[in-house]
Protein backbone atom coordinates (compact mmCIF):
# COMPACT_ATOMS: atom_id res chain seq x y z
CA MET A 1 86.54 -10.97 23.32
CA ILE A 2 89.18 -13.48 22.34
CA ASP A 3 91.28 -13.54 25.56
CA ARG A 4 87.81 -14.15 27.70
CA TRP A 5 86.15 -16.46 25.11
CA ARG A 6 85.80 -19.27 27.26
CA GLU A 7 84.52 -17.82 30.63
CA THR A 8 82.12 -15.45 28.64
CA PHE A 9 81.17 -16.70 25.20
CA ASP A 10 81.59 -20.46 25.35
CA ASP A 11 78.00 -21.14 26.33
CA ALA A 12 76.57 -18.47 24.17
CA PHE A 13 76.77 -20.70 21.08
CA GLY A 14 75.74 -24.30 20.27
CA ARG A 15 78.18 -27.12 19.94
CA ASN A 16 78.55 -27.00 16.28
CA ASP A 17 78.86 -23.03 16.24
CA LYS A 18 81.05 -22.09 19.14
CA HIS A 19 84.47 -22.91 17.28
CA LYS A 20 83.18 -21.37 14.15
CA ALA A 21 82.14 -17.90 15.96
CA ARG A 22 85.64 -17.89 17.97
CA ASN A 23 87.51 -18.29 14.41
CA PHE A 24 85.28 -15.60 12.80
CA ALA A 25 85.97 -13.33 15.91
CA SER A 26 89.60 -13.90 15.53
CA MET A 27 89.70 -13.11 11.73
CA ALA A 28 87.81 -10.14 12.40
CA LEU A 29 90.57 -8.89 14.79
CA GLU A 30 93.10 -10.02 12.34
CA ALA A 31 91.42 -7.60 9.84
CA ARG A 32 91.56 -4.76 12.18
CA ASN A 33 95.15 -5.21 12.91
CA ALA A 34 96.14 -5.53 9.19
CA ILE A 35 94.28 -2.44 8.17
CA SER A 36 95.67 -0.39 11.26
CA HIS A 37 99.36 -1.69 11.39
CA LEU A 38 100.32 -2.66 7.83
CA ALA A 39 101.88 -0.16 5.30
CA ILE A 40 100.44 -2.01 2.30
CA GLY A 41 96.72 -2.43 1.25
CA LEU A 42 94.95 -5.58 1.49
CA GLN A 43 94.41 -7.84 -1.61
CA ASP A 44 91.03 -8.16 -2.89
CA ASP A 45 90.79 -11.89 -1.68
CA GLU A 46 92.09 -11.04 1.69
CA ALA A 47 89.54 -8.52 2.23
CA LEU A 48 86.68 -10.81 1.06
CA ARG A 49 87.64 -13.34 3.40
CA TYR A 50 87.72 -10.94 6.22
CA ILE A 51 84.35 -9.52 5.14
CA ASP A 52 82.81 -12.95 4.74
CA ALA A 53 83.93 -13.77 8.47
CA MET A 54 82.37 -10.83 9.85
CA HIS A 55 78.98 -11.23 7.92
CA GLN A 56 79.04 -14.99 9.28
CA LEU A 57 79.93 -13.91 12.74
CA LEU A 58 76.84 -11.32 12.78
CA LYS A 59 74.61 -14.24 11.55
CA LEU A 60 75.46 -16.29 14.36
CA VAL A 61 75.26 -13.89 17.07
CA LYS A 62 71.80 -12.94 15.69
CA ALA A 63 72.74 -9.36 14.99
CA PRO A 64 69.86 -7.07 13.77
CA ALA A 65 68.77 -7.91 10.17
CA ALA A 66 69.63 -4.49 8.71
CA GLU A 67 73.42 -4.54 10.09
CA VAL A 68 73.28 -8.58 8.38
CA ALA A 69 72.14 -6.90 5.16
CA GLU A 70 74.55 -3.89 5.24
CA LEU A 71 77.63 -6.45 5.68
CA LYS A 72 76.19 -8.61 2.82
CA LYS A 73 76.13 -5.49 0.54
CA LEU A 74 79.83 -4.84 1.38
CA TYR A 75 80.50 -8.54 0.67
CA ASP A 76 78.96 -8.36 -2.34
CA ALA A 77 80.49 -5.12 -3.57
CA GLN A 78 84.00 -6.48 -2.57
CA ARG A 79 83.31 -9.67 -4.60
CA GLN A 80 82.40 -7.74 -7.72
CA SER A 81 85.43 -5.49 -7.09
CA GLY A 82 87.75 -8.39 -6.96
CA LEU A 83 86.18 -9.83 -10.25
CA ALA A 84 86.48 -6.59 -12.05
CA ARG A 85 90.28 -6.59 -11.32
CA ALA A 86 90.90 -10.07 -12.23
CA PRO A 87 93.21 -10.35 -15.29
CA VAL A 88 91.46 -11.56 -18.48
CA PRO A 89 93.73 -13.69 -21.00
CA ASP A 90 94.12 -12.33 -24.49
CA PRO A 91 91.50 -13.89 -26.67
CA ALA A 92 94.17 -14.50 -29.44
CA VAL A 93 96.02 -16.52 -27.06
CA ALA A 94 93.24 -18.37 -25.39
CA PRO A 95 90.11 -18.30 -27.65
CA SER A 96 88.10 -20.95 -25.71
CA ALA A 97 88.27 -18.30 -22.46
CA ALA A 98 85.26 -16.52 -23.58
CA SER A 99 83.03 -19.33 -23.30
CA LYS A 100 84.53 -20.25 -20.04
CA PRO A 101 84.38 -17.27 -18.00
CA ALA A 102 85.23 -19.20 -14.64
CA GLN A 103 88.50 -20.28 -16.33
CA ALA A 104 89.33 -16.60 -17.37
CA ILE A 105 88.89 -15.44 -13.70
CA LEU A 106 91.26 -17.98 -12.34
CA THR A 107 93.76 -17.51 -15.20
CA LEU A 108 97.06 -16.01 -13.88
CA PRO A 109 98.99 -13.37 -15.54
CA GLN A 110 101.94 -14.41 -17.67
CA ALA A 111 105.21 -13.93 -16.16
CA THR A 112 107.03 -10.60 -17.35
CA PRO A 113 110.07 -11.28 -19.49
CA PRO A 114 113.40 -10.82 -17.75
CA GLU A 115 114.26 -8.18 -20.25
CA GLU A 116 111.16 -6.06 -19.20
CA ARG A 117 111.63 -6.22 -15.24
CA SER A 118 112.88 -3.34 -13.53
CA GLY A 119 115.56 -3.35 -10.65
CA LYS A 120 117.12 -6.54 -9.14
CA ALA A 121 115.74 -9.62 -7.54
CA LEU A 122 114.78 -8.98 -3.63
CA LYS A 123 116.98 -10.85 -1.45
CA PRO A 124 115.62 -13.28 1.20
CA TRP A 125 115.09 -11.49 4.52
CA ILE A 126 117.43 -13.89 6.29
CA GLU A 127 120.27 -12.23 4.22
CA VAL A 128 119.11 -8.84 4.71
CA ALA A 129 117.99 -8.93 8.60
CA LEU A 130 120.12 -11.11 10.63
CA PRO A 131 118.58 -12.58 13.82
CA HIS A 132 119.79 -11.39 17.11
CA PRO A 133 122.40 -13.84 18.32
CA ASP A 134 120.03 -14.81 21.20
CA VAL A 135 117.46 -15.81 18.76
CA ILE A 136 119.89 -17.83 16.76
CA ALA A 137 120.86 -19.79 19.88
CA ASN A 138 117.47 -20.09 21.17
CA ARG A 139 118.20 -18.07 24.32
CA PHE A 140 115.49 -15.75 23.57
CA LYS A 141 112.77 -15.31 26.18
CA GLU A 142 109.42 -13.67 25.06
CA ALA A 143 109.02 -12.48 28.54
CA GLU A 144 112.07 -10.33 28.35
CA PHE A 145 111.15 -8.89 25.01
CA ALA A 146 108.63 -6.32 26.36
CA ALA A 147 110.35 -3.24 28.02
CA ASP A 148 109.31 -2.89 31.51
CA LEU A 149 110.15 0.73 33.16
CA PHE A 150 109.26 -0.44 36.74
CA ALA A 151 111.62 -3.48 36.49
CA VAL A 152 114.38 -1.47 35.17
CA ASP A 153 114.02 1.05 37.80
CA THR A 154 114.01 -1.51 40.55
CA GLY A 155 116.74 -3.47 39.35
CA HIS A 156 115.00 -6.32 38.24
CA ALA A 157 115.41 -6.21 34.39
CA SER A 158 117.29 -8.26 31.82
CA ASP A 159 120.88 -7.13 30.85
CA ALA A 160 119.58 -5.89 27.64
CA TYR A 161 117.44 -3.13 29.43
CA ALA A 162 119.19 -2.85 32.74
CA THR A 163 122.27 -0.60 31.82
CA PRO A 164 122.25 2.51 29.56
CA THR A 165 125.17 1.03 27.33
CA ASN A 166 123.27 -2.14 26.88
CA PHE A 167 120.20 -0.57 26.07
CA PHE A 168 121.37 1.94 23.75
CA GLY A 169 123.42 -0.81 22.15
CA ILE A 170 120.59 -2.52 21.01
CA THR A 171 118.18 0.68 20.35
CA PHE A 172 117.70 1.89 16.76
CA LEU A 173 117.18 5.76 17.30
CA THR A 174 114.42 6.57 14.96
CA GLU A 175 113.88 10.28 14.09
CA GLY A 176 110.91 10.19 16.74
CA LEU A 177 113.31 9.20 19.34
CA ARG A 178 115.95 11.46 18.26
CA ARG A 179 113.68 14.25 18.57
CA VAL A 180 112.47 13.44 22.20
CA LEU A 181 116.04 12.92 23.33
CA THR A 182 117.11 16.04 21.73
CA SER A 183 114.52 17.90 23.65
CA ALA A 184 115.48 16.27 26.89
CA VAL A 185 119.12 16.98 26.64
CA GLN A 186 118.09 20.88 25.74
CA ARG A 187 116.03 20.81 28.84
CA LEU A 188 118.80 19.28 31.02
CA GLY A 189 121.19 21.63 29.60
CA ASP A 190 118.94 24.53 30.18
CA THR A 191 118.86 25.69 26.54
CA GLY A 192 115.28 24.88 25.56
CA GLY A 193 113.37 21.64 25.48
CA ASP A 194 110.03 20.64 26.51
CA PRO A 195 109.38 20.58 30.35
CA VAL A 196 106.58 17.96 29.69
CA ILE A 197 106.41 15.30 27.06
CA GLY A 198 103.17 13.39 26.36
CA LEU A 199 103.49 10.19 24.40
CA GLN A 200 100.58 9.31 22.18
CA THR A 201 100.93 6.04 20.11
CA SER A 202 98.94 3.04 19.40
CA PHE A 203 99.62 -0.21 21.36
CA GLY A 204 103.30 -1.36 20.80
CA GLY A 205 104.04 2.13 19.41
CA GLY A 206 107.22 2.48 21.63
CA LYS A 207 106.03 4.76 24.48
CA THR A 208 107.86 2.70 27.13
CA HIS A 209 110.85 2.40 24.96
CA THR A 210 110.91 6.06 24.71
CA MET A 211 110.58 6.68 28.49
CA LEU A 212 113.40 4.09 29.05
CA ALA A 213 115.60 6.17 26.44
CA ILE A 214 115.15 9.25 28.56
CA TYR A 215 115.58 7.36 31.70
CA HIS A 216 118.79 5.79 30.78
CA LEU A 217 120.01 9.16 29.41
CA ALA A 218 119.27 10.77 32.79
CA ARG A 219 120.81 7.85 34.94
CA HIS A 220 123.97 7.76 32.90
CA LEU A 221 124.56 11.54 33.62
CA SER A 222 123.45 11.08 37.02
CA GLU A 223 126.31 8.56 37.49
CA GLY A 224 129.03 11.03 36.15
CA GLY A 225 128.89 9.29 32.77
CA ASP A 226 129.72 11.03 29.45
CA ALA A 227 127.25 11.09 26.56
CA ASN A 228 129.99 9.78 24.25
CA GLY A 229 129.72 6.56 26.26
CA LEU A 230 126.26 5.78 24.70
CA PRO A 231 126.00 4.77 21.17
CA GLY A 232 124.23 7.33 19.02
CA VAL A 233 123.60 9.80 21.88
CA ALA A 234 126.89 11.64 21.55
CA GLU A 235 125.83 12.93 18.09
CA ILE A 236 122.55 14.30 19.29
CA VAL A 237 124.23 16.14 22.28
CA GLU A 238 126.64 17.65 19.97
CA LYS A 239 123.84 18.85 17.60
CA THR A 240 122.25 20.67 20.49
CA GLY A 241 125.12 22.67 21.14
CA VAL A 242 124.89 22.14 24.98
CA ARG A 243 128.22 22.37 26.59
CA LYS A 244 127.64 20.84 30.14
CA LEU A 245 124.89 18.68 31.34
CA PRO A 246 124.36 18.63 34.97
CA LYS A 247 123.73 15.55 37.05
CA PRO A 248 119.87 15.18 37.08
CA LYS A 249 117.71 13.73 39.81
CA ILE A 250 115.28 11.09 38.65
CA ALA A 251 111.82 9.99 39.90
CA VAL A 252 110.01 7.28 38.20
CA PHE A 253 106.28 6.33 38.77
CA VAL A 254 104.55 3.57 36.90
CA GLY A 255 101.01 3.68 37.51
CA SER A 256 100.10 0.01 36.81
CA ALA A 257 102.88 -1.23 39.34
CA ASP A 258 100.61 -0.75 42.13
CA GLY A 259 96.91 -0.24 42.68
CA PRO A 260 95.51 3.34 44.08
CA ASP A 261 94.73 1.34 47.75
CA VAL A 262 98.24 0.23 47.99
CA SER A 263 100.89 2.37 49.87
CA LEU A 264 104.11 3.06 47.81
CA LYS A 265 107.17 1.61 49.16
CA ILE A 266 110.59 3.41 48.86
CA ASP A 267 113.71 1.53 49.36
CA LYS A 268 115.22 2.29 52.51
CA GLY A 269 112.47 4.71 53.05
CA PRO A 270 108.85 5.02 54.47
CA LYS A 271 105.65 4.05 53.04
CA VAL A 272 104.08 6.89 50.99
CA HIS A 273 100.29 7.40 50.34
CA THR A 274 100.42 9.55 47.25
CA VAL A 275 102.00 9.93 44.08
CA TRP A 276 103.10 13.22 44.56
CA GLY A 277 104.60 12.30 48.19
CA TYR A 278 106.40 9.36 46.26
CA ILE A 279 107.62 11.65 43.71
CA ALA A 280 109.03 14.40 46.07
CA TRP A 281 110.63 11.83 48.10
CA ARG A 282 112.42 10.55 45.04
CA LEU A 283 113.63 13.92 44.01
CA ALA A 284 114.41 15.70 47.27
CA GLY A 285 115.15 12.69 49.71
CA GLU A 286 114.08 12.28 53.22
CA LYS A 287 114.88 15.59 55.14
CA ARG A 288 113.52 17.84 52.11
CA ALA A 289 110.55 15.74 51.46
CA ARG A 290 109.64 15.52 55.25
CA ALA A 291 110.30 19.39 55.93
CA GLY A 292 107.83 20.25 52.86
CA CYS A 293 105.17 17.59 53.39
CA ARG A 294 102.07 18.75 55.08
CA GLY A 295 98.66 16.76 54.98
CA ARG A 296 97.47 13.24 54.72
CA GLY A 297 99.46 12.26 51.82
CA CYS A 298 102.88 12.84 53.69
CA PRO A 299 104.98 9.53 54.62
CA ASP A 300 104.46 7.62 57.64
């Protein structure tokens, strides 16, 4: 809705309401992202703002009365919940607060004395997480931040993603990524591992980065490289107990690179009309792919 707002919804509201409606829709999206991706819960005032924005949006789009009323109930419930949790000052300290409830609601809790505080003060984030040198030097390009398996496979990726050494040099091996790489090493070493791995994460959950990790590991081995040359990977290989890793053959297919009506192009090869023909060509080479190919999906 936000991305296509102008061409789809710009004429659906009056001049005085169009900007309000877009802001309310944006806040609803922000609320969805907050509850889906943040590890901490929402504060009462944040939840109240989000619910109010949704309520106002329903009224602007003339939603059914029952839906508007239901969201109004949620708003009233959240408002009362927030008031119930508001700190109430000690009457002995502020005796006039009882006659001024509004003042009591807005009163902030007193600071905890230093001797009652537990732990140490948090350091500023810039002292804990130092930005990458490219960010500090203003060399960072947002377009290069998103991992692109097709660009890496075709040799058009930035230096950070282009080579196995550079990729693993900037990659933090999470527990999940370690499990996937362990399974890949076991499979390549014929000691177990999963033949097929299905990655299911939310948007931005690291699916492409995980595929790039397997791709670079296999590519490094196919070029005769040693796992010790990849930061963090040597430890994974050692724990699997795999003594020897053969040179694997690699085939990459990115479904979003071309449409279904476009023939697939292979570098120094023919046009291929099916996904399976493309993968067979990448794995088997020209002679074996042509020898084993029958039917309409074969290369020209």
